[in-house]
């Protein structure tokens, strides 16, 4: 069973989500202390973490920062509805996705399954296949990456996004196509998930000799991975 750690100090909501996710086949542990999430990331005792941003003593943002220093374990953030600042901060720090509160248990379960598919399940027939695009080398089979000959640490979401761009290197890929190919869903209006994840990948790739990003954007259209 997929092991989920749910970190939230809203006990009533936590019990509701735990019951629903258990019915969906998840093995769910709960905790009101964010330090439990950091410990889980360190010892690998869970498969994914659901983390509320508004936590006492230590915020969800700070907890996520500490997790990312230890692991690329998938993390889904629970955010206040309409709070774009927290959402963008979480995605910038490496969260795989977010769900606004109050949230539907069904939506949460669907998002968890989607994140886990991206993180763990390679495309059919991809074992042994190496995808090379310029100085980028991807192995879709074990979802590892190298950039300029060095290991490239990516979250599952970042890998899926970069794989789409690499398979179309040198070509413009629309945001809608990226969303459908990488995440299996259409892009909702005003949804900035892709932009924020692209920003994170750009930072990891660094800049070209001319100072430009390796991932170019065309305003209102999409993104393009440069080959050289």
Protein backbone atom coordinates (compact mmCIF):
# COMPACT_ATOMS: atom_id res chain seq x y z
CA UNK A 1 0.00 0.00 0.00
CA UNK A 2 1.08 3.56 -0.67
CA UNK A 3 2.17 5.17 2.59
CA UNK A 4 0.89 8.71 3.09
CA UNK A 5 1.84 11.05 5.93
CA UNK A 6 -0.78 13.74 6.51
CA UNK A 7 0.46 16.75 8.49
CA UNK A 8 -2.28 19.13 9.64
CA UNK A 9 -3.37 20.56 12.98
CA UNK A 10 -7.06 20.51 11.94
CA UNK A 11 -7.98 17.26 13.69
CA UNK A 12 -11.52 17.04 12.29
CA UNK A 13 -10.36 17.51 8.70
CA UNK A 14 -7.48 15.11 9.22
CA UNK A 15 -9.80 12.35 10.43
CA UNK A 16 -12.11 12.89 7.45
CA UNK A 17 -9.25 12.76 4.93
CA UNK A 18 -7.64 9.77 6.64
CA UNK A 19 -10.86 7.77 6.47
CA UNK A 20 -11.48 8.60 2.82
CA UNK A 21 -7.90 7.93 1.71
CA UNK A 22 -7.91 4.59 3.54
CA UNK A 23 -10.97 3.60 1.51
CA UNK A 24 -9.02 4.54 -1.61
CA UNK A 25 -6.28 2.09 -0.68
CA UNK A 26 -3.78 4.40 1.00
CA UNK A 27 -2.02 3.60 4.26
CA UNK A 28 -2.38 6.93 6.07
CA UNK A 29 -0.52 8.15 9.15
CA UNK A 30 -1.31 11.56 10.63
CA UNK A 31 0.54 14.03 12.80
CA UNK A 32 0.05 17.61 13.98
CA UNK A 33 3.79 18.26 14.28
CA UNK A 34 5.66 19.23 11.14
CA UNK A 35 8.86 17.71 12.47
CA UNK A 36 7.34 14.30 11.75
CA UNK A 37 7.42 15.16 8.04
CA UNK A 38 11.11 16.05 8.22
CA UNK A 39 11.85 12.79 10.01
CA UNK A 40 9.88 10.81 7.41
CA UNK A 41 11.82 12.43 4.58
CA UNK A 42 15.05 11.49 6.31
CA UNK A 43 14.23 7.83 6.96
CA UNK A 44 12.13 7.08 3.86
CA UNK A 45 9.25 5.65 5.90
CA UNK A 46 6.51 7.10 3.65
CA UNK A 47 5.87 7.45 -0.09
CA UNK A 48 4.31 10.91 -0.10
CA UNK A 49 3.58 13.75 2.34
CA UNK A 50 0.48 15.94 2.49
CA UNK A 51 1.50 19.11 4.30
CA UNK A 52 -0.63 22.02 5.49
CA UNK A 53 1.03 25.41 5.04
CA UNK A 54 -0.58 27.00 8.11
CA UNK A 55 1.08 25.02 10.89
CA UNK A 56 1.88 26.17 14.44
CA UNK A 57 5.50 26.58 15.60
CA UNK A 58 6.97 25.78 12.18
CA UNK A 59 5.20 26.79 8.96
CA UNK A 60 4.62 24.37 6.12
CA UNK A 61 6.96 26.44 3.96
CA UNK A 62 9.81 26.04 6.46
CA UNK A 63 9.08 22.32 6.79
CA UNK A 64 9.19 21.93 2.99
CA UNK A 65 12.53 23.74 2.84
CA UNK A 66 13.99 21.29 5.32
CA UNK A 67 12.50 18.30 3.50
CA UNK A 68 14.07 19.37 0.22
CA UNK A 69 17.49 19.50 1.84
CA UNK A 70 17.08 15.81 2.66
CA UNK A 71 14.99 14.24 -0.08
CA UNK A 72 13.00 14.58 -3.31
CA UNK A 73 10.09 12.79 -1.62
CA UNK A 74 6.80 13.89 -3.24
CA UNK A 75 5.01 16.61 -1.26
CA UNK A 76 1.50 17.96 -1.80
CA UNK A 77 0.69 21.22 -0.02
CA UNK A 78 -2.66 22.19 1.49
CA UNK A 79 -3.10 25.95 1.05
CA UNK A 80 -5.68 28.57 1.93
CA UNK A 81 -8.08 29.10 -0.95
CA UNK A 82 -7.07 32.09 -3.04
CA UNK A 83 -3.65 32.49 -1.38
CA UNK A 84 -1.44 32.59 -4.48
CA UNK A 85 1.62 33.74 -2.54
CA UNK A 86 1.74 30.56 -0.44
CA UNK A 87 1.03 28.37 -3.45
CA UNK A 88 3.81 29.89 -5.53
CA UNK A 89 6.23 29.80 -2.58
CA UNK A 90 5.51 26.11 -2.08
CA UNK A 91 5.97 25.24 -5.76
CA UNK A 92 9.18 27.30 -5.91
CA UNK A 93 10.58 25.30 -3.02
CA UNK A 94 9.84 21.98 -4.69
CA UNK A 95 6.27 21.04 -3.79
CA UNK A 96 4.83 18.73 -6.45
CA UNK A 97 1.32 20.18 -6.31
CA UNK A 98 -1.16 21.90 -4.03
CA UNK A 99 -4.83 21.61 -3.11
CA UNK A 100 -6.72 24.61 -1.67
CA UNK A 101 -8.64 24.21 1.60
CA UNK A 102 -11.35 23.37 2.31
CA UNK A 103 -10.61 20.51 -0.04
CA UNK A 104 -12.61 17.65 -1.45
CA UNK A 105 -11.27 14.26 -0.29
CA UNK A 106 -11.86 12.98 -3.82
CA UNK A 107 -9.75 15.74 -5.36
CA UNK A 108 -6.99 15.12 -2.84
CA UNK A 109 -6.95 11.40 -3.63
CA UNK A 110 -6.83 12.11 -7.37
CA UNK A 111 -3.95 14.57 -6.98
CA UNK A 112 -2.01 12.10 -4.83
CA UNK A 113 -2.42 9.36 -7.43
CA UNK A 114 -1.31 11.70 -10.21
CA UNK A 115 1.81 12.78 -8.31
CA UNK A 116 2.72 9.18 -7.54
CA UNK A 117 2.28 8.17 -11.18
CA UNK A 118 4.67 10.92 -12.22
CA UNK A 119 7.15 10.03 -9.52
CA UNK A 120 7.17 6.26 -9.85
CA UNK A 121 5.71 5.00 -13.08
CA UNK A 122 7.78 5.37 -16.27
CA UNK A 123 6.15 5.40 -19.65
CA UNK A 124 5.51 1.96 -21.22
CA UNK A 125 8.58 0.59 -22.95
CA UNK A 126 10.87 3.24 -21.48
CA UNK A 127 13.14 0.90 -19.52
CA UNK A 128 16.64 1.10 -20.96
CA UNK A 129 15.76 4.08 -23.16
CA UNK A 130 18.04 7.08 -22.77
CA UNK A 131 16.78 10.44 -23.91
CA UNK A 132 19.48 12.92 -24.90
CA UNK A 133 18.83 16.55 -25.72
CA UNK A 134 21.96 18.67 -25.97
CA UNK A 135 23.70 18.49 -22.60
CA UNK A 136 20.68 16.89 -20.93
CA UNK A 137 20.49 13.12 -20.45
CA UNK A 138 17.29 11.56 -19.10
CA UNK A 139 16.55 7.95 -18.19
CA UNK A 140 12.75 7.63 -18.17
CA UNK A 141 13.04 4.06 -16.90
CA UNK A 142 14.42 4.98 -13.48
CA UNK A 143 13.60 8.71 -13.78
CA UNK A 144 17.13 9.94 -13.26
CA UNK A 145 18.76 12.88 -15.02
CA UNK A 146 22.18 14.27 -15.82
CA UNK A 147 23.02 17.80 -16.85
CA UNK A 148 26.40 18.60 -18.37
CA UNK A 149 27.64 15.24 -17.08
CA UNK A 150 26.55 15.74 -13.47
CA UNK A 151 23.53 14.25 -11.66
CA UNK A 152 20.49 16.55 -11.77
CA UNK A 153 18.16 16.36 -8.77
CA UNK A 154 14.54 16.72 -9.87
CA UNK A 155 11.19 16.20 -8.22
CA UNK A 156 8.84 13.80 -10.00
CA UNK A 157 6.86 16.73 -11.37
CA UNK A 158 9.98 18.50 -12.63
CA UNK A 159 11.18 15.32 -14.35
CA UNK A 160 7.87 14.86 -16.18
CA UNK A 161 7.89 18.47 -17.35
CA UNK A 162 11.52 18.38 -18.47
CA UNK A 163 10.97 15.08 -20.31
CA UNK A 164 8.24 16.69 -22.43
CA UNK A 165 10.54 19.59 -23.32
CA UNK A 166 13.46 17.24 -24.04
CA UNK A 167 11.37 15.09 -26.41
CA UNK A 168 10.58 18.31 -28.28
CA UNK A 169 13.94 20.03 -27.83
CA UNK A 170 14.41 23.04 -30.07
CA UNK A 171 10.65 23.34 -30.60
CA UNK A 172 8.06 25.48 -28.89
CA UNK A 173 5.68 23.45 -26.71
CA UNK A 174 2.48 25.13 -25.56
CA UNK A 175 1.56 25.20 -21.90
CA UNK A 176 -1.58 23.23 -22.70
CA UNK A 177 0.47 20.48 -24.38
CA UNK A 178 2.92 20.42 -21.48
CA UNK A 179 0.08 20.03 -19.00
CA UNK A 180 -1.58 17.23 -20.98
CA UNK A 181 1.63 15.30 -21.73
CA UNK A 182 3.37 15.75 -18.38
CA UNK A 183 0.45 15.80 -15.98
CA UNK A 184 -2.36 14.11 -17.91
CA UNK A 185 -4.81 16.99 -17.55
CA UNK A 186 -5.82 20.21 -19.25
CA UNK A 187 -4.44 23.47 -17.94
CA UNK A 188 -7.00 25.53 -16.06
CA UNK A 189 -7.25 29.29 -16.72
CA UNK A 190 -4.84 31.37 -14.60
CA UNK A 191 -3.10 28.19 -13.35
CA UNK A 192 0.59 29.04 -12.82
CA UNK A 193 1.87 25.60 -11.79
CA UNK A 194 3.82 25.08 -15.00
CA UNK A 195 5.43 28.54 -14.87
CA UNK A 196 6.59 28.00 -11.30
CA UNK A 197 7.96 24.51 -11.99
CA UNK A 198 9.74 25.85 -15.09
CA UNK A 199 11.33 28.55 -12.92
CA UNK A 200 12.64 25.89 -10.54
CA UNK A 201 14.09 23.78 -13.37
CA UNK A 202 15.71 26.86 -14.89
CA UNK A 203 17.54 27.53 -11.64
CA UNK A 204 18.85 23.97 -11.58
CA UNK A 205 20.10 24.15 -15.18
CA UNK A 206 21.78 27.51 -14.73
CA UNK A 207 22.36 29.89 -17.65
CA UNK A 208 24.07 29.68 -21.03
CA UNK A 209 27.33 31.43 -21.85
CA UNK A 210 25.30 34.32 -23.24
CA UNK A 211 23.47 34.69 -19.91
CA UNK A 212 20.15 33.42 -21.22
CA UNK A 213 18.13 30.56 -19.79
CA UNK A 214 18.30 27.10 -21.36
CA UNK A 215 14.50 27.10 -21.31
CA UNK A 216 13.14 29.95 -23.39
CA UNK A 217 9.60 31.26 -23.03
CA UNK A 218 7.34 32.79 -25.64
CA UNK A 219 4.86 34.99 -23.82
CA UNK A 220 1.37 33.55 -23.83
CA UNK A 221 2.43 30.54 -25.95
CA UNK A 222 4.78 28.13 -24.22
CA UNK A 223 8.35 27.01 -23.62
CA UNK A 224 11.29 25.70 -25.60
CA UNK A 225 14.37 23.76 -24.43
CA UNK A 226 17.47 24.96 -26.31
CA UNK A 227 19.95 22.39 -27.56
CA UNK A 228 23.09 24.57 -27.59
